[in-house]
Every structure is written in structure tokens, then in C-alpha cells.
């Protein structure tokens, strides 16, 4: 390449780098100057490896790979129920190559955990799936049915120790709270222990350190199938394929409950880029591979995008607040 041309390209690259400080823009400059393809997406899973957010992020990467959308990396960034991941995302102004997997757990964490940023500070892309909760006990537990559990709970609430893989404001804790109220038990009368995801919760359940777990189904399908743990009930309105347990409602308790997961992007994205991300999600959800992924994990399709998703997020924040701190009479 002639020297003058190399100098002109170098000067152009330097000028664009100065004018363009955001991470995404810097990536675009590199592609423009070198002629390289656009970098792939990076997806933050704001929980421990193997948790529900991590599983969702890796499922996205797998599904998108089949659709020709490249995911370069899944970044596991645990902390404070997803608040650490949200704060990282909010600092990436204009970065259209970074996404955060999130869900009800993050909405709940923000109600109880100090944070520099809120969901309103970033860009909602889509709700992807819903996932039922399941009530689990060790295989050797004397509690054989949900009725056994609720009877014991009513008789001596303090004698049962519950646990989950999320804080009380997250899906596991919210489900336990709603279940307690639905069967006439004060949720504050029994202890609820918080573990960082299913990987830490399972040993506590198997060793009898805790008596009952309320948790998402996807992290425990193998243990349920092998008989290591017993499912007393699922929280969804319909039974879950592969789990030999009736719903909570089938067993006489007036309650349906679903966790959900979705995607957020950084602030400051141009509308056309938001539309492109939503289109990529919509195409993925319609693919045969994604339907297989849903079935494998006990998830249900729950696509909701853009402004509709933003409205749903506000409704969920209200639900969390009313569950954690219900209004009093008088």
C-alpha cells in the first residue's frame, strides 16, 4: 500500500477515535478502518454460572448462532440479585453490542438493594420466557404432598425452614410469600434463607440444612427426574411436562405464579438499532431450535417487546412492592 494512503487511513482512524468515545462506536470505527466484520454481541448474565440468567444467556447465544446472529461472549457478572449487572449496563451509553439478561429477580432486588441506576435508565428490548416455580423437598422428607406441607406450616410455621436461590424480593422469595398468604400463614413466621442460585441451594436441601425450597424448574429438572428431590407442586396454571407434580391450584390453593426473563440494552441507542435488536429476538423466538430450548428447560414463550415490555416492567415493580410491603387496613 502506498505510504500516503497508509497515512491518510491512519489519520482518519485517529480522528474518528477522538470523535467517537463510546465502546460501540469504537468498535464501529475499527470495523470501518480495517474492513473487518461488525463485532458480535456480548451478553451479561448477572448471576452465578449455571444459574437461570446464565442458562438463558447461553440459550440465547445458541439460538442466535443458528439464526446467523453472532454472540462473542457470555459475561457472568453476579452480584446483588443482578444490580451489579444493571449498573454495568447503564454505564455503556450507546453500546449496541452489549445486552443484559434479567428478570423478576432484578426487579425484586431493586426494591430492596441500593443501586446507582434503575431499569428506567436503560433500554427495554424484550421479555422472552416465563418459568414456573416448583416446591421441592428432599426425597427422604416426610412431606409427600403440598397438603402435608401446608398442614405442617399452619401448625408450627417456625418449625419449617425455607430457602431459595433469590432474595425475598426475587421470584423464589416472592412465590414463598404469596404461597404462605394463600394458605393462611404469616410469611414472616418461618425463616427464608437466601442462596446464590441453585448450585448453592441444592446441597443445603439435600443435607437437610433447609426443609423446603421454592425455586425455578429449569435448574432442577435433572434432580427431579433422578428422584434426588421431590416436587410437591408447580406454580404455573398448567402442569409442566417432565415433572410429576400437580399445580398449586389443582391442590386447592388459589395461586398461580410465574417467573420471567428478558433482555435490556444500554441507554442511548438509536431507534433503528433498537428495532433491529427486537427483530433479531422476534426471529429467534419463531425458530424451531428456540422451541426445543423452551421444552428442554420447562420454559414458555412470553415474547413482549419495546414499549409493551417497558409497561410490563413498571407493573412488575408495583407487584413486588405490594407483595413485600402489602397495604394494611384502616
Protein backbone atom coordinates (compact mmCIF):
# COMPACT_ATOMS: atom_id res chain seq x y z
CA UNK A 1 0.00 0.00 0.00
CA UNK A 2 1.43 3.44 -0.88
CA UNK A 3 2.77 5.43 2.06
CA UNK A 4 0.42 8.41 1.50
CA UNK A 5 -2.63 6.16 1.55
CA UNK A 6 -1.48 4.48 4.77
CA UNK A 7 -1.03 7.89 6.35
CA UNK A 8 -4.49 9.01 5.25
CA UNK A 9 -6.09 5.87 6.74
CA UNK A 10 -4.16 6.28 9.99
CA UNK A 11 -5.19 9.91 10.24
CA UNK A 12 -8.82 9.01 9.60
CA UNK A 13 -8.74 6.32 12.28
CA UNK A 14 -7.20 8.70 14.80
CA UNK A 15 -9.78 11.40 14.06
CA UNK A 16 -12.72 9.01 14.36
CA UNK A 17 -11.36 7.57 17.60
CA UNK A 18 -11.25 11.06 19.12
CA UNK A 19 -14.77 11.91 17.94
CA UNK A 20 -16.24 8.58 18.97
CA UNK A 21 -15.67 7.64 22.62
CA UNK A 22 -18.43 5.09 23.30
CA UNK A 23 -17.49 1.43 23.27
CA UNK A 24 -19.87 0.57 20.47
CA UNK A 25 -18.66 3.47 18.36
CA UNK A 26 -15.05 2.46 18.89
CA UNK A 27 -15.93 -1.00 17.61
CA UNK A 28 -17.58 0.56 14.58
CA UNK A 29 -14.51 2.69 13.87
CA UNK A 30 -12.29 -0.38 13.96
CA UNK A 31 -14.56 -2.20 11.51
CA UNK A 32 -14.73 0.84 9.21
CA UNK A 33 -10.99 1.34 9.05
CA UNK A 34 -9.89 -2.29 8.84
CA UNK A 35 -12.77 -3.56 6.76
CA UNK A 36 -13.48 -6.23 9.39
CA UNK A 37 -16.97 -7.52 10.07
CA UNK A 38 -19.01 -5.99 12.88
CA UNK A 39 -18.20 -7.46 16.31
CA UNK A 40 -20.74 -9.85 17.80
CA UNK A 41 -22.93 -9.23 20.80
CA UNK A 42 -21.79 -9.63 24.39
CA UNK A 43 -24.44 -10.84 26.82
CA UNK A 44 -24.21 -10.23 30.57
CA UNK A 45 -25.61 -12.97 32.81
CA UNK A 46 -25.89 -11.18 36.18
CA UNK A 47 -25.78 -14.33 38.33
CA UNK A 48 -23.51 -17.24 39.14
CA UNK A 49 -22.53 -19.67 36.41
CA UNK A 50 -25.20 -22.31 35.96
CA UNK A 51 -27.98 -20.10 37.32
CA UNK A 52 -31.16 -19.17 35.49
CA UNK A 53 -29.77 -15.99 33.95
CA UNK A 54 -26.64 -17.81 32.78
CA UNK A 55 -28.72 -20.61 31.26
CA UNK A 56 -30.90 -18.05 29.47
CA UNK A 57 -27.88 -16.14 28.15
CA UNK A 58 -26.24 -19.29 26.79
CA UNK A 59 -29.53 -20.42 25.27
CA UNK A 60 -29.74 -17.05 23.50
CA UNK A 61 -26.21 -17.49 22.18
CA UNK A 62 -27.00 -20.99 20.93
CA UNK A 63 -30.26 -19.94 19.29
CA UNK A 64 -28.84 -16.83 17.70
CA UNK A 65 -25.87 -18.74 16.30
CA UNK A 66 -28.36 -20.84 14.32
CA UNK A 67 -30.00 -17.62 13.07
CA UNK A 68 -26.71 -16.03 11.99
CA UNK A 69 -26.55 -13.52 14.86
CA UNK A 70 -23.10 -13.75 16.45
CA UNK A 71 -22.68 -13.67 20.24
CA UNK A 72 -18.98 -13.24 21.01
CA UNK A 73 -19.19 -13.77 24.76
CA UNK A 74 -21.45 -14.52 27.72
CA UNK A 75 -20.12 -12.50 30.64
CA UNK A 76 -21.05 -13.89 34.06
CA UNK A 77 -21.25 -10.90 36.41
CA UNK A 78 -23.01 -11.88 39.66
CA UNK A 79 -23.88 -9.54 42.48
CA UNK A 80 -26.86 -8.19 44.43
CA UNK A 81 -29.50 -10.06 42.50
CA UNK A 82 -28.50 -8.54 39.17
CA UNK A 83 -27.95 -4.97 40.36
CA UNK A 84 -24.22 -5.16 39.59
CA UNK A 85 -25.00 -6.17 36.01
CA UNK A 86 -27.58 -3.40 35.61
CA UNK A 87 -25.14 -0.76 36.82
CA UNK A 88 -22.54 -2.02 34.37
CA UNK A 89 -25.06 -1.87 31.52
CA UNK A 90 -26.18 1.66 32.41
CA UNK A 91 -22.61 2.94 32.02
CA UNK A 92 -22.34 1.65 28.43
CA UNK A 93 -24.07 4.63 26.78
CA UNK A 94 -24.68 3.93 23.09
CA UNK A 95 -23.09 0.46 23.13
CA UNK A 96 -25.31 -1.52 20.77
CA UNK A 97 -23.21 -4.68 21.19
CA UNK A 98 -24.00 -5.32 24.85
CA UNK A 99 -27.14 -6.89 26.35
CA UNK A 100 -28.23 -7.84 29.86
CA UNK A 101 -30.35 -10.88 30.62
CA UNK A 102 -32.66 -10.02 33.51
CA UNK A 103 -36.00 -10.90 35.02
CA UNK A 104 -38.24 -10.68 38.04
CA UNK A 105 -35.23 -11.26 40.26
CA UNK A 106 -33.68 -7.95 39.23
CA UNK A 107 -36.96 -6.09 39.67
CA UNK A 108 -37.18 -7.55 43.17
CA UNK A 109 -33.56 -6.80 44.01
CA UNK A 110 -34.02 -3.15 43.09
CA UNK A 111 -36.82 -2.91 45.66
CA UNK A 112 -34.50 -3.95 48.49
CA UNK A 113 -30.94 -3.17 47.34
CA UNK A 114 -29.36 0.29 46.89
CA UNK A 115 -28.43 0.91 43.25
CA UNK A 116 -26.91 3.76 41.28
CA UNK A 117 -29.29 3.03 38.41
CA UNK A 118 -32.83 1.85 37.73
CA UNK A 119 -34.34 -0.13 34.89
CA UNK A 120 -35.77 3.14 33.55
CA UNK A 121 -32.17 4.28 32.92
CA UNK A 122 -31.58 1.64 30.23
CA UNK A 123 -33.37 0.37 27.12
CA UNK A 124 -36.00 -2.39 27.35
CA UNK A 125 -35.80 -4.84 24.46
CA UNK A 126 -37.96 -7.88 25.15
CA UNK A 127 -39.45 -10.30 27.63
CA UNK A 128 -38.55 -13.77 26.39
CA UNK A 129 -39.91 -16.54 28.57
CA UNK A 130 -41.84 -17.40 31.68
CA UNK A 131 -40.75 -20.16 34.03
CA UNK A 132 -42.82 -21.78 36.78
CA UNK A 133 -41.58 -22.10 40.33
CA UNK A 134 -41.53 -25.51 41.98
CA UNK A 135 -41.87 -26.52 45.65
CA UNK A 136 -39.10 -29.02 46.43
CA UNK A 137 -38.23 -31.23 49.39
CA UNK A 138 -35.51 -33.88 49.79
CA UNK A 139 -36.50 -37.35 48.63
CA UNK A 140 -36.48 -38.60 52.24
CA UNK A 141 -38.72 -35.81 53.54
CA UNK A 142 -41.89 -36.86 55.38
CA UNK A 143 -43.71 -34.15 53.39
CA UNK A 144 -45.23 -36.09 50.50
CA UNK A 145 -47.78 -33.59 49.17
CA UNK A 146 -48.47 -29.88 49.22
CA UNK A 147 -51.25 -30.59 51.75
CA UNK A 148 -48.66 -32.18 54.07
CA UNK A 149 -46.57 -29.04 53.77
CA UNK A 150 -49.38 -26.56 54.33
CA UNK A 151 -50.74 -28.51 57.33
CA UNK A 152 -47.31 -28.59 58.98
CA UNK A 153 -46.78 -24.93 58.11
CA UNK A 154 -50.03 -23.85 59.71
CA UNK A 155 -49.43 -25.92 62.87
CA UNK A 156 -45.92 -24.60 63.55
CA UNK A 157 -44.63 -22.08 60.99
CA UNK A 158 -41.31 -21.61 62.78
CA UNK A 159 -40.51 -25.34 62.57
CA UNK A 160 -40.04 -25.25 58.79
CA UNK A 161 -37.06 -23.60 57.20
CA UNK A 162 -37.50 -22.45 53.62
CA UNK A 163 -34.84 -21.41 51.12
CA UNK A 164 -34.50 -20.12 47.60
CA UNK A 165 -31.96 -19.00 45.05
CA UNK A 166 -33.13 -15.38 45.10
CA UNK A 167 -33.74 -12.70 47.71
CA UNK A 168 -37.17 -12.25 49.25
CA UNK A 169 -37.96 -9.69 46.56
CA UNK A 170 -36.91 -12.13 43.82
CA UNK A 171 -39.08 -14.87 42.30
CA UNK A 172 -38.25 -17.62 44.81
CA UNK A 173 -38.91 -15.37 47.78
CA UNK A 174 -42.00 -13.75 46.25
CA UNK A 175 -43.53 -17.13 45.45
CA UNK A 176 -42.97 -18.36 49.02
CA UNK A 177 -44.52 -15.18 50.41
CA UNK A 178 -47.57 -15.43 48.15
CA UNK A 179 -47.93 -19.16 48.89
CA UNK A 180 -47.82 -18.52 52.64
CA UNK A 181 -50.55 -15.91 52.45
CA UNK A 182 -52.66 -18.09 50.17
CA UNK A 183 -52.68 -20.92 52.75
CA UNK A 184 -53.19 -18.65 55.75
CA UNK A 185 -49.65 -18.48 57.12
CA UNK A 186 -47.78 -15.31 58.08
CA UNK A 187 -44.69 -15.48 55.82
CA UNK A 188 -42.62 -13.74 58.50
CA UNK A 189 -43.25 -16.62 60.93
CA UNK A 190 -40.91 -19.03 59.11
CA UNK A 191 -37.32 -18.42 58.11
CA UNK A 192 -36.40 -17.94 54.47
CA UNK A 193 -32.72 -18.40 53.66
CA UNK A 194 -31.17 -16.95 50.54
CA UNK A 195 -28.63 -18.87 48.47
CA UNK A 196 -26.82 -17.57 45.41
CA UNK A 197 -28.55 -19.66 42.77
CA UNK A 198 -29.46 -23.33 42.53
CA UNK A 199 -25.88 -24.56 42.74
CA UNK A 200 -25.61 -23.45 46.37
CA UNK A 201 -29.22 -24.20 47.27
CA UNK A 202 -29.21 -27.88 46.27
CA UNK A 203 -26.62 -29.13 48.83
CA UNK A 204 -28.46 -27.30 51.63
CA UNK A 205 -31.68 -29.04 50.63
CA UNK A 206 -30.12 -32.50 50.25
CA UNK A 207 -28.32 -32.37 53.61
CA UNK A 208 -31.42 -31.21 55.50
CA UNK A 209 -29.94 -27.83 56.25
CA UNK A 210 -33.25 -26.47 54.94
CA UNK A 211 -36.60 -28.25 54.72
CA UNK A 212 -38.26 -26.77 51.64
CA UNK A 213 -37.02 -24.93 48.55
CA UNK A 214 -39.03 -22.68 46.28
CA UNK A 215 -37.13 -22.26 43.03
CA UNK A 216 -37.30 -22.19 39.25
CA UNK A 217 -37.88 -25.52 37.50
CA UNK A 218 -35.09 -25.26 34.90
CA UNK A 219 -32.24 -25.60 37.39
CA UNK A 220 -33.66 -28.78 38.94
CA UNK A 221 -35.06 -30.87 36.11
CA UNK A 222 -32.24 -33.42 36.35
CA UNK A 223 -32.54 -33.78 40.14
CA UNK A 224 -36.31 -34.15 39.92
CA UNK A 225 -36.01 -36.77 37.18
CA UNK A 226 -33.42 -38.77 39.13
CA UNK A 227 -35.50 -38.73 42.32
CA UNK A 228 -32.91 -36.85 44.35
CA UNK A 229 -35.56 -34.30 45.27
CA UNK A 230 -39.36 -34.45 45.27
CA UNK A 231 -41.56 -31.85 43.62
CA UNK A 232 -44.70 -31.17 45.65
CA UNK A 233 -46.22 -28.63 43.27
CA UNK A 234 -45.55 -26.31 40.35
CA UNK A 235 -46.73 -22.73 40.44
CA UNK A 236 -47.98 -22.33 36.86
CA UNK A 237 -51.60 -22.59 35.76
CA UNK A 238 -50.78 -25.79 33.85
CA UNK A 239 -48.61 -28.78 34.69
CA UNK A 240 -45.01 -28.85 33.49
CA UNK A 241 -44.02 -31.62 31.12
CA UNK A 242 -41.48 -33.94 32.70
CA UNK A 243 -42.39 -33.09 36.30
CA UNK A 244 -44.72 -35.50 38.08
CA UNK A 245 -46.37 -32.90 40.30
CA UNK A 246 -49.73 -31.15 40.16
CA UNK A 247 -50.11 -27.40 40.13
CA UNK A 248 -50.64 -25.41 43.30
CA UNK A 249 -54.17 -24.57 42.13
CA UNK A 250 -55.02 -28.23 41.46
CA UNK A 251 -54.28 -28.86 45.13
CA UNK A 252 -56.82 -26.35 46.35
CA UNK A 253 -54.64 -23.24 46.73
CA UNK A 254 -55.79 -20.12 44.89
CA UNK A 255 -52.46 -19.10 43.38
CA UNK A 256 -50.68 -19.02 40.02
CA UNK A 257 -47.16 -17.62 39.81
CA UNK A 258 -44.56 -17.37 37.05
CA UNK A 259 -41.03 -16.07 36.95
CA UNK A 260 -39.93 -14.47 33.67
CA UNK A 261 -36.74 -13.38 31.91
CA UNK A 262 -35.97 -10.75 29.32
CA UNK A 263 -33.31 -8.55 27.78
CA UNK A 264 -32.20 -4.97 28.39
CA UNK A 265 -29.75 -2.88 26.33
CA UNK A 266 -27.69 0.18 27.32
CA UNK A 267 -29.13 3.69 27.17
CA UNK A 268 -28.73 5.99 24.20
CA UNK A 269 -29.32 3.56 21.35
CA UNK A 270 -30.76 4.99 18.12
CA UNK A 271 -34.31 3.80 17.38
CA UNK A 272 -33.23 1.84 14.30
CA UNK A 273 -30.77 -0.20 16.38
CA UNK A 274 -33.43 -0.95 19.00
CA UNK A 275 -35.74 -2.08 16.19
CA UNK A 276 -33.00 -4.32 14.82
CA UNK A 277 -32.43 -5.98 18.19
CA UNK A 278 -36.17 -6.54 18.61
CA UNK A 279 -36.30 -8.05 15.11
CA UNK A 280 -33.44 -10.41 15.99
CA UNK A 281 -35.26 -11.51 19.14
CA UNK A 282 -38.54 -12.00 17.27
CA UNK A 283 -36.86 -14.12 14.60
CA UNK A 284 -35.19 -16.25 17.27
CA UNK A 285 -38.43 -16.85 19.17
CA UNK A 286 -40.06 -18.08 15.97
CA UNK A 287 -37.33 -20.62 15.21
CA UNK A 288 -37.69 -24.40 15.69
CA UNK A 289 -34.48 -24.50 17.76
CA UNK A 290 -35.87 -21.99 20.25
CA UNK A 291 -38.98 -24.14 20.67
CA UNK A 292 -36.68 -27.06 21.52
CA UNK A 293 -34.83 -24.89 24.05
CA UNK A 294 -38.13 -23.93 25.69
CA UNK A 295 -39.17 -27.57 26.05
CA UNK A 296 -35.77 -28.65 27.39
CA UNK A 297 -35.91 -26.09 30.21
CA UNK A 298 -39.59 -26.08 31.13
CA UNK A 299 -39.95 -22.52 29.83
CA UNK A 300 -42.89 -20.97 28.00
CA UNK A 301 -42.77 -18.44 25.18
CA UNK A 302 -43.74 -15.00 26.51
CA UNK A 303 -42.50 -12.53 23.90
CA UNK A 304 -43.22 -8.90 24.74
CA UNK A 305 -41.20 -6.12 23.15
CA UNK A 306 -40.39 -2.41 23.27
CA UNK A 307 -42.92 -0.11 24.92
CA UNK A 308 -45.17 -3.02 25.92
CA UNK A 309 -42.24 -4.59 27.75
CA UNK A 310 -41.46 -1.25 29.43
CA UNK A 311 -45.06 -1.05 30.72
CA UNK A 312 -44.85 -4.63 31.96
CA UNK A 313 -41.66 -3.78 33.88
CA UNK A 314 -43.44 -0.96 35.72
CA UNK A 315 -46.33 -3.29 36.58
CA UNK A 316 -43.91 -5.88 37.95
CA UNK A 317 -42.23 -3.28 40.16
CA UNK A 318 -45.67 -2.46 41.62
CA UNK A 319 -46.35 -6.18 42.16
CA UNK A 320 -43.06 -6.64 44.02
CA UNK A 321 -43.72 -3.66 46.28
CA UNK A 322 -47.25 -4.80 47.12
CA UNK A 323 -46.01 -8.34 47.92
CA UNK A 324 -43.09 -7.30 50.09
CA UNK A 325 -44.96 -4.49 51.84
CA UNK A 326 -48.70 -5.17 51.46
CA UNK A 327 -51.16 -2.37 52.26
CA UNK A 328 -52.77 -2.51 55.70
CA UNK A 329 -56.42 -1.97 56.51
CA UNK A 330 -57.53 1.23 58.18
